[in-house]
Amino acid sequence: MTVPTRQQTPAGVSPGKALLALHRATERRTFVISYFRSLKDVSPRTVRRSWFDLKQVLLVHRQIERKHAAGLFSPVVYRPGASRGNAGVERITLAVADFDHNADVSSVQQHLTAQ
């Protein structure tokens, strides 16, 4: 998210207030994603979630004993009747990154916010 500057905000509106308004609008925005019950499940269950609700799920770390039994999601919409896989994707709804163990997240953040 880019922080609004004085030049980007309407006259009389501070960048802080503009950022707060942007944050509130983003929290309410909804996205369509596809859920799968397990790694072997190939039948997507499509749901619409607000960013606020999706964020609440994604920010909780869960330790899973058996990776293959864990539920997962894909930030895509599949064509009607399609099964899991690239060929059935109609559109991508979110950009997602999966960082494992020793990932240098700050380097990625710097790269993504570089102008």
PDB file of N, CA and C in Angstrom:
ATOM      1  N   MET A   1       0.839  -1.155   0.000  1.00  0.00           N
ATOM      2  CA  MET A   1       0.000   0.000   0.000  1.00  0.00           C
ATOM      3  C   MET A   1       0.894   1.230   0.000  1.00  0.00           C
ATOM      4  N   THR A   2       0.588   2.199  -0.821  1.00  0.00           N
ATOM      5  CA  THR A   2       1.356   3.430  -0.903  1.00  0.00           C
ATOM      6  C   THR A   2       0.727   4.475  -0.004  1.00  0.00           C
ATOM      7  N   VAL A   3       1.544   5.130   0.801  1.00  0.00           N
ATOM      8  CA  VAL A   3       1.049   6.179   1.682  1.00  0.00           C
ATOM      9  C   VAL A   3       0.783   7.433   0.861  1.00  0.00           C
ATOM     10  N   PRO A   4      -0.443   8.001   0.965  1.00  0.00           N
ATOM     11  CA  PRO A   4      -0.743   9.215   0.200  1.00  0.00           C
ATOM     12  C   PRO A   4       0.153  10.378   0.620  1.00  0.00           C
ATOM     13  N   THR A   5       0.588  11.164  -0.331  1.00  0.00           N
ATOM     14  CA  THR A   5       1.378  12.353  -0.046  1.00  0.00           C
ATOM     15  C   THR A   5       0.473  13.565  -0.068  1.00  0.00           C
ATOM     16  N   ARG A   6       0.978  14.692   0.372  1.00  0.00           N
ATOM     17  CA  ARG A   6       0.206  15.931   0.400  1.00  0.00           C
ATOM     18  C   ARG A   6      -0.314  16.278  -1.001  1.00  0.00           C
ATOM     19  N   GLN A   7       0.506  16.008  -2.036  1.00  0.00           N
ATOM     20  CA  GLN A   7       0.103  16.326  -3.407  1.00  0.00           C
ATOM     21  C   GLN A   7      -1.007  15.404  -3.914  1.00  0.00           C
ATOM     22  N   GLN A   8      -1.161  14.212  -3.321  1.00  0.00           N
ATOM     23  CA  GLN A   8      -2.151  13.250  -3.787  1.00  0.00           C
ATOM     24  C   GLN A   8      -3.494  13.364  -3.067  1.00  0.00           C
ATOM     25  N   THR A   9      -3.572  14.160  -2.025  1.00  0.00           N
ATOM     26  CA  THR A   9      -4.806  14.254  -1.254  1.00  0.00           C
ATOM     27  C   THR A   9      -5.537  15.552  -1.587  1.00  0.00           C
ATOM     28  N   PRO A  10      -6.884  15.540  -1.482  1.00  0.00           N
ATOM     29  CA  PRO A  10      -7.649  16.769  -1.746  1.00  0.00           C
ATOM     30  C   PRO A  10      -7.262  17.868  -0.771  1.00  0.00           C
ATOM     31  N   ALA A  11      -7.474  19.100  -1.163  1.00  0.00           N
ATOM     32  CA  ALA A  11      -7.147  20.250  -0.310  1.00  0.00           C
ATOM     33  C   ALA A  11      -7.847  20.110   1.039  1.00  0.00           C
ATOM     34  N   GLY A  12      -7.109  20.341   2.094  1.00  0.00           N
ATOM     35  CA  GLY A  12      -7.671  20.297   3.437  1.00  0.00           C
ATOM     36  C   GLY A  12      -7.706  18.914   4.061  1.00  0.00           C
ATOM     37  N   VAL A  13      -7.286  17.873   3.337  1.00  0.00           N
ATOM     38  CA  VAL A  13      -7.283  16.509   3.879  1.00  0.00           C
ATOM     39  C   VAL A  13      -5.833  16.101   4.112  1.00  0.00           C
ATOM     40  N   SER A  14      -5.524  15.737   5.343  1.00  0.00           N
ATOM     41  CA  SER A  14      -4.155  15.344   5.661  1.00  0.00           C
ATOM     42  C   SER A  14      -3.851  13.962   5.095  1.00  0.00           C
ATOM     43  N   PRO A  15      -2.580  13.669   4.799  1.00  0.00           N
ATOM     44  CA  PRO A  15      -2.219  12.326   4.332  1.00  0.00           C
ATOM     45  C   PRO A  15      -2.622  11.241   5.333  1.00  0.00           C
ATOM     46  N   GLY A  16      -2.560  11.556   6.638  1.00  0.00           N
ATOM     47  CA  GLY A  16      -2.962  10.589   7.663  1.00  0.00           C
ATOM     48  C   GLY A  16      -4.428  10.222   7.552  1.00  0.00           C
ATOM     49  N   LYS A  17      -5.286  11.219   7.354  1.00  0.00           N
ATOM     50  CA  LYS A  17      -6.720  10.960   7.207  1.00  0.00           C
ATOM     51  C   LYS A  17      -6.998  10.214   5.908  1.00  0.00           C
ATOM     52  N   ALA A  18      -6.265  10.546   4.862  1.00  0.00           N
ATOM     53  CA  ALA A  18      -6.432   9.851   3.585  1.00  0.00           C
ATOM     54  C   ALA A  18      -6.019   8.392   3.721  1.00  0.00           C
ATOM     55  N   LEU A  19      -4.930   8.141   4.450  1.00  0.00           N
ATOM     56  CA  LEU A  19      -4.463   6.769   4.666  1.00  0.00           C
ATOM     57  C   LEU A  19      -5.486   5.977   5.478  1.00  0.00           C
ATOM     58  N   LEU A  20      -6.063   6.594   6.503  1.00  0.00           N
ATOM     59  CA  LEU A  20      -7.080   5.935   7.318  1.00  0.00           C
ATOM     60  C   LEU A  20      -8.303   5.578   6.468  1.00  0.00           C
ATOM     61  N   ALA A  21      -8.722   6.479   5.597  1.00  0.00           N
ATOM     62  CA  ALA A  21      -9.857   6.211   4.704  1.00  0.00           C
ATOM     63  C   ALA A  21      -9.526   5.064   3.750  1.00  0.00           C
ATOM     64  N   LEU A  22      -8.302   5.047   3.234  1.00  0.00           N
ATOM     65  CA  LEU A  22      -7.867   3.975   2.340  1.00  0.00           C
ATOM     66  C   LEU A  22      -7.867   2.643   3.080  1.00  0.00           C
ATOM     67  N   HIS A  23      -7.384   2.647   4.324  1.00  0.00           N
ATOM     68  CA  HIS A  23      -7.355   1.429   5.138  1.00  0.00           C
ATOM     69  C   HIS A  23      -8.769   0.908   5.369  1.00  0.00           C
ATOM     70  N   ARG A  24      -9.691   1.775   5.736  1.00  0.00           N
ATOM     71  CA  ARG A  24     -11.078   1.356   5.976  1.00  0.00           C
ATOM     72  C   ARG A  24     -11.720   0.794   4.714  1.00  0.00           C
ATOM     73  N   ALA A  25     -11.473   1.415   3.582  1.00  0.00           N
ATOM     74  CA  ALA A  25     -12.029   0.930   2.314  1.00  0.00           C
ATOM     75  C   ALA A  25     -11.445  -0.437   1.967  1.00  0.00           C
ATOM     76  N   THR A  26     -10.160  -0.628   2.218  1.00  0.00           N
ATOM     77  CA  THR A  26      -9.505  -1.894   1.923  1.00  0.00           C
ATOM     78  C   THR A  26     -10.047  -3.005   2.822  1.00  0.00           C
ATOM     79  N   GLU A  27     -10.290  -2.712   4.092  1.00  0.00           N
ATOM     80  CA  GLU A  27     -10.810  -3.716   5.026  1.00  0.00           C
ATOM     81  C   GLU A  27     -12.157  -4.253   4.553  1.00  0.00           C
ATOM     82  N   ARG A  28     -12.977  -3.412   3.918  1.00  0.00           N
ATOM     83  CA  ARG A  28     -14.314  -3.819   3.470  1.00  0.00           C
ATOM     84  C   ARG A  28     -14.300  -4.488   2.102  1.00  0.00           C
ATOM     85  N   ARG A  29     -13.244  -4.289   1.348  1.00  0.00           N
ATOM     86  CA  ARG A  29     -13.174  -4.846  -0.009  1.00  0.00           C
ATOM     87  C   ARG A  29     -13.263  -6.373   0.052  1.00  0.00           C
ATOM     88  N   THR A  30     -13.960  -6.953  -0.905  1.00  0.00           N
ATOM     89  CA  THR A  30     -14.103  -8.407  -0.905  1.00  0.00           C
ATOM     90  C   THR A  30     -13.358  -9.024  -2.080  1.00  0.00           C
ATOM     91  N   PHE A  31     -12.977 -10.282  -1.875  1.00  0.00           N
ATOM     92  CA  PHE A  31     -12.232 -11.035  -2.872  1.00  0.00           C
ATOM     93  C   PHE A  31     -12.836 -12.423  -2.990  1.00  0.00           C
ATOM     94  N   VAL A  32     -12.817 -12.978  -4.178  1.00  0.00           N
ATOM     95  CA  VAL A  32     -13.271 -14.347  -4.397  1.00  0.00           C
ATOM     96  C   VAL A  32     -12.051 -15.257  -4.362  1.00  0.00           C
ATOM     97  N   ILE A  33     -12.140 -16.304  -3.555  1.00  0.00           N
ATOM     98  CA  ILE A  33     -11.059 -17.278  -3.457  1.00  0.00           C
ATOM     99  C   ILE A  33     -11.665 -18.678  -3.524  1.00  0.00           C
ATOM    100  N   SER A  34     -10.828 -19.650  -3.773  1.00  0.00           N
ATOM    101  CA  SER A  34     -11.275 -21.041  -3.827  1.00  0.00           C
ATOM    102  C   SER A  34     -10.624 -21.818  -2.695  1.00  0.00           C
ATOM    103  N   TYR A  35     -11.446 -22.557  -1.956  1.00  0.00           N
ATOM    104  CA  TYR A  35     -10.966 -23.385  -0.856  1.00  0.00           C
ATOM    105  C   TYR A  35     -10.931 -24.845  -1.278  1.00  0.00           C
ATOM    106  N   PHE A  36      -9.982 -25.584  -0.684  1.00  0.00           N
ATOM    107  CA  PHE A  36      -9.867 -27.026  -0.877  1.00  0.00           C
ATOM    108  C   PHE A  36      -9.719 -27.662   0.494  1.00  0.00           C
ATOM    109  N   ARG A  37     -10.362 -28.807   0.708  1.00  0.00           N
ATOM    110  CA  ARG A  37     -10.339 -29.461   2.018  1.00  0.00           C
ATOM    111  C   ARG A  37      -8.966 -30.053   2.365  1.00  0.00           C
ATOM    112  N   SER A  38      -8.226 -30.461   1.333  1.00  0.00           N
ATOM    113  CA  SER A  38      -6.912 -31.065   1.567  1.00  0.00           C
ATOM    114  C   SER A  38      -6.072 -30.923   0.298  1.00  0.00           C
ATOM    115  N   LEU A  39      -4.829 -31.342   0.381  1.00  0.00           N
ATOM    116  CA  LEU A  39      -3.922 -31.270  -0.757  1.00  0.00           C
ATOM    117  C   LEU A  39      -4.417 -32.117  -1.929  1.00  0.00           C
ATOM    118  N   LYS A  40      -5.138 -33.175  -1.626  1.00  0.00           N
ATOM    119  CA  LYS A  40      -5.639 -34.070  -2.685  1.00  0.00           C
ATOM    120  C   LYS A  40      -7.020 -33.673  -3.202  1.00  0.00           C
ATOM    121  N   ASP A  41      -7.683 -32.737  -2.548  1.00  0.00           N
ATOM    122  CA  ASP A  41      -9.008 -32.274  -2.987  1.00  0.00           C
ATOM    123  C   ASP A  41      -8.842 -31.487  -4.286  1.00  0.00           C
ATOM    124  N   VAL A  42      -9.594 -31.838  -5.320  1.00  0.00           N
ATOM    125  CA  VAL A  42      -9.484 -31.144  -6.602  1.00  0.00           C
ATOM    126  C   VAL A  42     -10.747 -30.346  -6.950  1.00  0.00           C
ATOM    127  N   SER A  43     -11.724 -30.342  -6.035  1.00  0.00           N
ATOM    128  CA  SER A  43     -12.985 -29.637  -6.284  1.00  0.00           C
ATOM    129  C   SER A  43     -13.011 -28.315  -5.521  1.00  0.00           C
ATOM    130  N   PRO A  44     -12.834 -27.205  -6.232  1.00  0.00           N
ATOM    131  CA  PRO A  44     -12.802 -25.910  -5.544  1.00  0.00           C
ATOM    132  C   PRO A  44     -14.166 -25.523  -4.986  1.00  0.00           C
ATOM    133  N   ARG A  45     -14.148 -24.935  -3.816  1.00  0.00           N
ATOM    134  CA  ARG A  45     -15.341 -24.346  -3.208  1.00  0.00           C
ATOM    135  C   ARG A  45     -15.101 -22.848  -3.211  1.00  0.00           C
ATOM    136  N   THR A  46     -15.833 -22.137  -4.038  1.00  0.00           N
ATOM    137  CA  THR A  46     -15.610 -20.700  -4.222  1.00  0.00           C
ATOM    138  C   THR A  46     -16.377 -19.916  -3.179  1.00  0.00           C
ATOM    139  N   VAL A  47     -15.676 -18.968  -2.527  1.00  0.00           N
ATOM    140  CA  VAL A  47     -16.293 -18.105  -1.518  1.00  0.00           C
ATOM    141  C   VAL A  47     -15.814 -16.669  -1.716  1.00  0.00           C
ATOM    142  N   ARG A  48     -16.611 -15.738  -1.246  1.00  0.00           N
ATOM    143  CA  ARG A  48     -16.242 -14.320  -1.255  1.00  0.00           C
ATOM    144  C   ARG A  48     -15.987 -13.913   0.186  1.00  0.00           C
ATOM    145  N   ARG A  49     -14.831 -13.319   0.433  1.00  0.00           N
ATOM    146  CA  ARG A  49     -14.446 -12.886   1.779  1.00  0.00           C
ATOM    147  C   ARG A  49     -13.963 -11.444   1.744  1.00  0.00           C
ATOM    148  N   SER A  50     -14.219 -10.725   2.821  1.00  0.00           N
ATOM    149  CA  SER A  50     -13.663  -9.375   2.935  1.00  0.00           C
ATOM    150  C   SER A  50     -12.175  -9.521   3.253  1.00  0.00           C
ATOM    151  N   TRP A  51     -11.404  -8.481   2.950  1.00  0.00           N
ATOM    152  CA  TRP A  51      -9.979  -8.505   3.285  1.00  0.00           C
ATOM    153  C   TRP A  51      -9.819  -8.663   4.791  1.00  0.00           C
ATOM    154  N   PHE A  52     -10.670  -8.012   5.578  1.00  0.00           N
ATOM    155  CA  PHE A  52     -10.609  -8.109   7.031  1.00  0.00           C
ATOM    156  C   PHE A  52     -10.744  -9.568   7.467  1.00  0.00           C
ATOM    157  N   ASP A  53     -11.757 -10.279   6.954  1.00  0.00           N
ATOM    158  CA  ASP A  53     -11.981 -11.675   7.345  1.00  0.00           C
ATOM    159  C   ASP A  53     -10.862 -12.582   6.864  1.00  0.00           C
ATOM    160  N   LEU A  54     -10.419 -12.400   5.639  1.00  0.00           N
ATOM    161  CA  LEU A  54      -9.343 -13.222   5.102  1.00  0.00           C
ATOM    162  C   LEU A  54      -8.050 -13.008   5.881  1.00  0.00           C
ATOM    163  N   LYS A  55      -7.782 -11.771   6.205  1.00  0.00           N
ATOM    164  CA  LYS A  55      -6.568 -11.435   6.965  1.00  0.00           C
ATOM    165  C   LYS A  55      -6.568 -12.110   8.338  1.00  0.00           C
ATOM    166  N   GLN A  56      -7.732 -12.182   8.987  1.00  0.00           N
ATOM    167  CA  GLN A  56      -7.823 -12.817  10.302  1.00  0.00           C
ATOM    168  C   GLN A  56      -7.412 -14.290  10.238  1.00  0.00           C
ATOM    169  N   VAL A  57      -7.754 -14.963   9.156  1.00  0.00           N
ATOM    170  CA  VAL A  57      -7.389 -16.368   8.987  1.00  0.00           C
ATOM    171  C   VAL A  57      -5.904 -16.503   8.653  1.00  0.00           C
ATOM    172  N   LEU A  58      -5.411 -15.658   7.758  1.00  0.00           N
ATOM    173  CA  LEU A  58      -4.033 -15.779   7.289  1.00  0.00           C
ATOM    174  C   LEU A  58      -2.995 -15.385   8.337  1.00  0.00           C
ATOM    175  N   LEU A  59      -3.362 -14.556   9.295  1.00  0.00           N
ATOM    176  CA  LEU A  59      -2.404 -14.096  10.293  1.00  0.00           C
ATOM    177  C   LEU A  59      -2.226 -15.064  11.460  1.00  0.00           C
ATOM    178  N   VAL A  60      -2.990 -16.136  11.490  1.00  0.00           N
ATOM    179  CA  VAL A  60      -2.877 -17.122  12.565  1.00  0.00           C
ATOM    180  C   VAL A  60      -1.994 -18.272  12.101  1.00  0.00           C
ATOM    181  N   HIS A  61      -0.889 -18.483  12.833  1.00  0.00           N
ATOM    182  CA  HIS A  61       0.023 -19.584  12.501  1.00  0.00           C
ATOM    183  C   HIS A  61      -0.536 -20.883  13.059  1.00  0.00           C
ATOM    184  N   ARG A  62      -0.592 -21.893  12.214  1.00  0.00           N
ATOM    185  CA  ARG A  62      -1.080 -23.208  12.633  1.00  0.00           C
ATOM    186  C   ARG A  62      -0.017 -24.257  12.329  1.00  0.00           C
ATOM    187  N   GLN A  63       0.232 -25.118  13.298  1.00  0.00           N
ATOM    188  CA  GLN A  63       1.147 -26.235  13.067  1.00  0.00           C
ATOM    189  C   GLN A  63       0.298 -27.425  12.661  1.00  0.00           C
ATOM    190  N   ILE A  64       0.606 -27.997  11.521  1.00  0.00           N
ATOM    191  CA  ILE A  64      -0.144 -29.115  10.977  1.00  0.00           C
ATOM    192  C   ILE A  64       0.723 -30.369  11.035  1.00  0.00           C
ATOM    193  N   GLU A  65       0.192 -31.434  11.621  1.00  0.00           N
ATOM    194  CA  GLU A  65       0.965 -32.672  11.702  1.00  0.00           C
ATOM    195  C   GLU A  65       1.140 -33.314  10.338  1.00  0.00           C
ATOM    196  N   ARG A  66       0.063 -33.389   9.583  1.00  0.00           N
ATOM    197  CA  ARG A  66       0.114 -34.026   8.274  1.00  0.00           C
ATOM    198  C   ARG A  66      -0.223 -32.984   7.214  1.00  0.00           C
ATOM    199  N   LYS A  67       0.765 -32.530   6.488  1.00  0.00           N
ATOM    200  CA  LYS A  67       0.598 -31.479   5.484  1.00  0.00           C
ATOM    201  C   LYS A  67      -0.483 -31.832   4.462  1.00  0.00           C
ATOM    202  N   HIS A  68      -0.565 -33.088   4.090  1.00  0.00           N
ATOM    203  CA  HIS A  68      -1.519 -33.504   3.059  1.00  0.00           C
ATOM    204  C   HIS A  68      -2.966 -33.424   3.524  1.00  0.00           C
ATOM    205  N   ALA A  69      -3.192 -33.360   4.833  1.00  0.00           N
ATOM    206  CA  ALA A  69      -4.556 -33.308   5.361  1.00  0.00           C
ATOM    207  C   ALA A  69      -5.024 -31.874   5.608  1.00  0.00           C
ATOM    208  N   ALA A  70      -4.136 -30.920   5.483  1.00  0.00           N
ATOM    209  CA  ALA A  70      -4.483 -29.525   5.779  1.00  0.00           C
ATOM    210  C   ALA A  70      -5.319 -28.907   4.656  1.00  0.00           C
ATOM    211  N   GLY A  71      -6.242 -28.043   5.030  1.00  0.00           N
ATOM    212  CA  GLY A  71      -6.997 -27.282   4.041  1.00  0.00           C
ATOM    213  C   GLY A  71      -6.106 -26.229   3.405  1.00  0.00           C
ATOM    214  N   LEU A  72      -6.478 -25.790   2.222  1.00  0.00           N
ATOM    215  CA  LEU A  72      -5.703 -24.752   1.552  1.00  0.00           C
ATOM    216  C   LEU A  72      -6.622 -23.890   0.698  1.00  0.00           C
ATOM    217  N   PHE A  73      -6.084 -22.766   0.245  1.00  0.00           N
ATOM    218  CA  PHE A  73      -6.871 -21.895  -0.610  1.00  0.00           C
ATOM    219  C   PHE A  73      -6.049 -21.474  -1.806  1.00  0.00           C
ATOM    220  N   SER A  74      -6.749 -21.058  -2.831  1.00  0.00           N
ATOM    221  CA  SER A  74      -6.106 -20.541  -4.019  1.00  0.00           C
ATOM    222  C   SER A  74      -6.805 -19.225  -4.354  1.00  0.00           C
ATOM    223  N   PRO A  75      -6.057 -18.152  -4.568  1.00  0.00           N
ATOM    224  CA  PRO A  75      -6.686 -16.848  -4.827  1.00  0.00           C
ATOM    225  C   PRO A  75      -7.121 -16.720  -6.287  1.00  0.00           C
ATOM    226  N   VAL A  76      -7.930 -17.671  -6.723  1.00  0.00           N
ATOM    227  CA  VAL A  76      -8.374 -17.697  -8.111  1.00  0.00           C
ATOM    228  C   VAL A  76      -9.850 -18.067  -8.183  1.00  0.00           C
ATOM    229  N   VAL A  77     -10.437 -17.789  -9.335  1.00  0.00           N
ATOM    230  CA  VAL A  77     -11.784 -18.252  -9.663  1.00  0.00           C
ATOM    231  C   VAL A  77     -11.616 -19.284 -10.768  1.00  0.00           C
ATOM    232  N   TYR A  78     -12.203 -20.444 -10.563  1.00  0.00           N
ATOM    233  CA  TYR A  78     -12.151 -21.499 -11.566  1.00  0.00           C
ATOM    234  C   TYR A  78     -13.376 -21.432 -12.474  1.00  0.00           C
ATOM    235  N   ARG A  79     -13.213 -21.876 -13.688  1.00  0.00           N
ATOM    236  CA  ARG A  79     -14.350 -21.978 -14.607  1.00  0.00           C
ATOM    237  C   ARG A  79     -15.355 -22.973 -14.028  1.00  0.00           C
ATOM    238  N   PRO A  80     -16.645 -22.796 -14.304  1.00  0.00           N
ATOM    239  CA  PRO A  80     -17.646 -23.749 -13.801  1.00  0.00           C
ATOM    240  C   PRO A  80     -17.302 -25.177 -14.223  1.00  0.00           C
ATOM    241  N   GLY A  81     -17.320 -26.090 -13.258  1.00  0.00           N
ATOM    242  CA  GLY A  81     -17.037 -27.497 -13.531  1.00  0.00           C
ATOM    243  C   GLY A  81     -15.565 -27.857 -13.588  1.00  0.00           C
ATOM    244  N   ALA A  82     -14.680 -26.864 -13.513  1.00  0.00           N
ATOM    245  CA  ALA A  82     -13.238 -27.133 -13.596  1.00  0.00           C
ATOM    246  C   ALA A  82     -12.729 -27.697 -12.277  1.00  0.00           C
ATOM    247  N   SER A  83     -11.672 -28.488 -12.361  1.00  0.00           N
ATOM    248  CA  SER A  83     -11.025 -28.993 -11.162  1.00  0.00           C
ATOM    249  C   SER A  83      -9.740 -28.200 -10.930  1.00  0.00           C
ATOM    250  N   ARG A  84      -9.131 -28.442  -9.792  1.00  0.00           N
ATOM    251  CA  ARG A  84      -7.931 -27.709  -9.411  1.00  0.00           C
ATOM    252  C   ARG A  84      -6.823 -27.893 -10.442  1.00  0.00           C
ATOM    253  N   GLY A  85      -6.153 -26.793 -10.758  1.00  0.00           N
ATOM    254  CA  GLY A  85      -5.056 -26.814 -11.720  1.00  0.00           C
ATOM    255  C   GLY A  85      -5.107 -25.567 -12.581  1.00  0.00           C
ATOM    256  N   ASN A  86      -3.985 -25.225 -13.174  1.00  0.00           N
ATOM    257  CA  ASN A  86      -3.885 -23.999 -13.976  1.00  0.00           C
ATOM    258  C   ASN A  86      -4.865 -23.940 -15.139  1.00  0.00           C
ATOM    259  N   ALA A  87      -5.146 -25.079 -15.763  1.00  0.00           N
ATOM    260  CA  ALA A  87      -6.004 -25.095 -16.951  1.00  0.00           C
ATOM    261  C   ALA A  87      -7.422 -24.618 -16.654  1.00  0.00           C
ATOM    262  N   GLY A  88      -7.888 -24.792 -15.421  1.00  0.00           N
ATOM    263  CA  GLY A  88      -9.254 -24.411 -15.078  1.00  0.00           C
ATOM    264  C   GLY A  88      -9.417 -23.002 -14.548  1.00  0.00           C
ATOM    265  N   VAL A  89      -8.324 -22.260 -14.415  1.00  0.00           N
ATOM    266  CA  VAL A  89      -8.386 -20.918 -13.824  1.00  0.00           C
ATOM    267  C   VAL A  89      -9.014 -19.924 -14.795  1.00  0.00           C
ATOM    268  N   GLU A  90     -10.020 -19.235 -14.308  1.00  0.00           N
ATOM    269  CA  GLU A  90     -10.673 -18.183 -15.088  1.00  0.00           C
ATOM    270  C   GLU A  90     -10.007 -16.840 -14.838  1.00  0.00           C
ATOM    271  N   ARG A  91      -9.726 -16.546 -13.544  1.00  0.00           N
ATOM    272  CA  ARG A  91      -9.030 -15.298 -13.218  1.00  0.00           C
ATOM    273  C   ARG A  91      -8.369 -15.393 -11.841  1.00  0.00           C
ATOM    274  N   ILE A  92      -7.333 -14.597 -11.680  1.00  0.00           N
ATOM    275  CA  ILE A  92      -6.603 -14.504 -10.414  1.00  0.00           C
ATOM    276  C   ILE A  92      -7.158 -13.302  -9.656  1.00  0.00           C
ATOM    277  N   THR A  93      -7.423 -13.477  -8.354  1.00  0.00           N
ATOM    278  CA  THR A  93      -8.054 -12.405  -7.588  1.00  0.00           C
ATOM    279  C   THR A  93      -7.128 -11.702  -6.598  1.00  0.00           C
ATOM    280  N   LEU A  94      -6.010 -12.308  -6.247  1.00  0.00           N
ATOM    281  CA  LEU A  94      -5.051 -11.724  -5.304  1.00  0.00           C
ATOM    282  C   LEU A  94      -3.637 -12.142  -5.674  1.00  0.00           C
ATOM    283  N   ALA A  95      -2.672 -11.330  -5.329  1.00  0.00           N
ATOM    284  CA  ALA A  95      -1.268 -11.728  -5.422  1.00  0.00           C
ATOM    285  C   ALA A  95      -0.880 -12.259  -4.040  1.00  0.00           C
ATOM    286  N   VAL A  96      -0.307 -13.447  -3.992  1.00  0.00           N
ATOM    287  CA  VAL A  96       0.000 -14.103  -2.726  1.00  0.00           C
ATOM    288  C   VAL A  96       1.446 -14.567  -2.747  1.00  0.00           C
ATOM    289  N   ALA A  97       2.119 -14.421  -1.620  1.00  0.00           N
ATOM    290  CA  ALA A  97       3.488 -14.916  -1.477  1.00  0.00           C
ATOM    291  C   ALA A  97       3.538 -15.847  -0.272  1.00  0.00           C
ATOM    292  N   ASP A  98       4.234 -16.942  -0.408  1.00  0.00           N
ATOM    293  CA  ASP A  98       4.388 -17.919   0.662  1.00  0.00           C
ATOM    294  C   ASP A  98       5.851 -17.898   1.097  1.00  0.00           C
ATOM    295  N   PHE A  99       6.103 -17.400   2.306  1.00  0.00           N
ATOM    296  CA  PHE A  99       7.467 -17.304   2.822  1.00  0.00           C
ATOM    297  C   PHE A  99       7.720 -18.423   3.810  1.00  0.00           C
ATOM    298  N   ASP A 100       8.746 -19.191   3.568  1.00  0.00           N
ATOM    299  CA  ASP A 100       9.102 -20.283   4.457  1.00  0.00           C
ATOM    300  C   ASP A 100      10.237 -19.868   5.379  1.00  0.00           C
ATOM    301  N   HIS A 101      10.416 -20.629   6.399  1.00  0.00           N
ATOM    302  CA  HIS A 101      11.392 -20.507   7.472  1.00  0.00           C
ATOM    303  C   HIS A 101      12.288 -19.271   7.474  1.00  0.00           C
ATOM    304  N   ASN A 102      13.409 -19.282   6.802  1.00  0.00           N
ATOM    305  CA  ASN A 102      14.391 -18.210   6.904  1.00  0.00           C
ATOM    306  C   ASN A 102      14.272 -17.158   5.802  1.00  0.00           C
ATOM    307  N   ALA A 103      13.083 -16.940   5.307  1.00  0.00           N
ATOM    308  CA  ALA A 103      12.877 -15.956   4.240  1.00  0.00           C
ATOM    309  C   ALA A 103      13.196 -14.559   4.750  1.00  0.00           C
ATOM    310  N   ASP A 104      13.837 -13.767   3.913  1.00  0.00           N
ATOM    311  CA  ASP A 104      14.168 -12.390   4.258  1.00  0.00           C
ATOM    312  C   ASP A 104      13.039 -11.482   3.767  1.00  0.00           C
ATOM    313  N   VAL A 105      11.990 -11.393   4.569  1.00  0.00           N
ATOM    314  CA  VAL A 105      10.788 -10.649   4.196  1.00  0.00           C
ATOM    315  C   VAL A 105      11.088  -9.165   4.017  1.00  0.00           C
ATOM    316  N   SER A 106      11.984  -8.602   4.813  1.00  0.00           N
ATOM    317  CA  SER A 106      12.286  -7.168   4.682  1.00  0.00           C
ATOM    318  C   SER A 106      12.897  -6.854   3.319  1.00  0.00           C
ATOM    319  N   SER A 107      13.710  -7.742   2.773  1.00  0.00           N
ATOM    320  CA  SER A 107      14.270  -7.528   1.436  1.00  0.00           C
ATOM    321  C   SER A 107      13.175  -7.528   0.371  1.00  0.00           C
ATOM    322  N   VAL A 108      12.227  -8.429   0.539  1.00  0.00           N
ATOM    323  CA  VAL A 108      11.108  -8.478  -0.408  1.00  0.00           C
ATOM    324  C   VAL A 108      10.287  -7.206  -0.313  1.00  0.00           C
ATOM    325  N   GLN A 109      10.009  -6.747   0.926  1.00  0.00           N
ATOM    326  CA  GLN A 109       9.257  -5.508   1.111  1.00  0.00           C
ATOM    327  C   GLN A 109       9.981  -4.329   0.459  1.00  0.00           C
ATOM    328  N   GLN A 110      11.286  -4.231   0.651  1.00  0.00           N
ATOM    329  CA  GLN A 110      12.050  -3.141   0.042  1.00  0.00           C
ATOM    330  C   GLN A 110      11.975  -3.195  -1.476  1.00  0.00           C
ATOM    331  N   HIS A 111      12.069  -4.373  -2.029  1.00  0.00           N
ATOM    332  CA  HIS A 111      12.006  -4.539  -3.481  1.00  0.00           C
ATOM    333  C   HIS A 111      10.622  -4.122  -4.012  1.00  0.00           C
ATOM    334  N   LEU A 112       9.563  -4.530  -3.313  1.00  0.00           N
ATOM    335  CA  LEU A 112       8.211  -4.223  -3.766  1.00  0.00           C
ATOM    336  C   LEU A 112       7.841  -2.746  -3.616  1.00  0.00           C
ATOM    337  N   THR A 113       8.442  -2.067  -2.649  1.00  0.00           N
ATOM    338  CA  THR A 113       8.104  -0.658  -2.441  1.00  0.00           C
ATOM    339  C   THR A 113       9.078   0.301  -3.088  1.00  0.00           C
ATOM    340  N   ALA A 114      10.150  -0.224  -3.710  1.00  0.00           N
ATOM    341  CA  ALA A 114      11.121   0.641  -4.399  1.00  0.00           C
ATOM    342  C   ALA A 114      10.428   1.380  -5.543  1.00  0.00           C
ATOM    343  N   GLN A 115      10.775   2.640  -5.671  1.00  0.00           N
ATOM    344  CA  GLN A 115      10.125   3.440  -6.722  1.00  0.00           C
ATOM    345  C   GLN A 115      11.046   3.713  -7.842  1.00  0.00           C
TER     346      GLN A 115
END
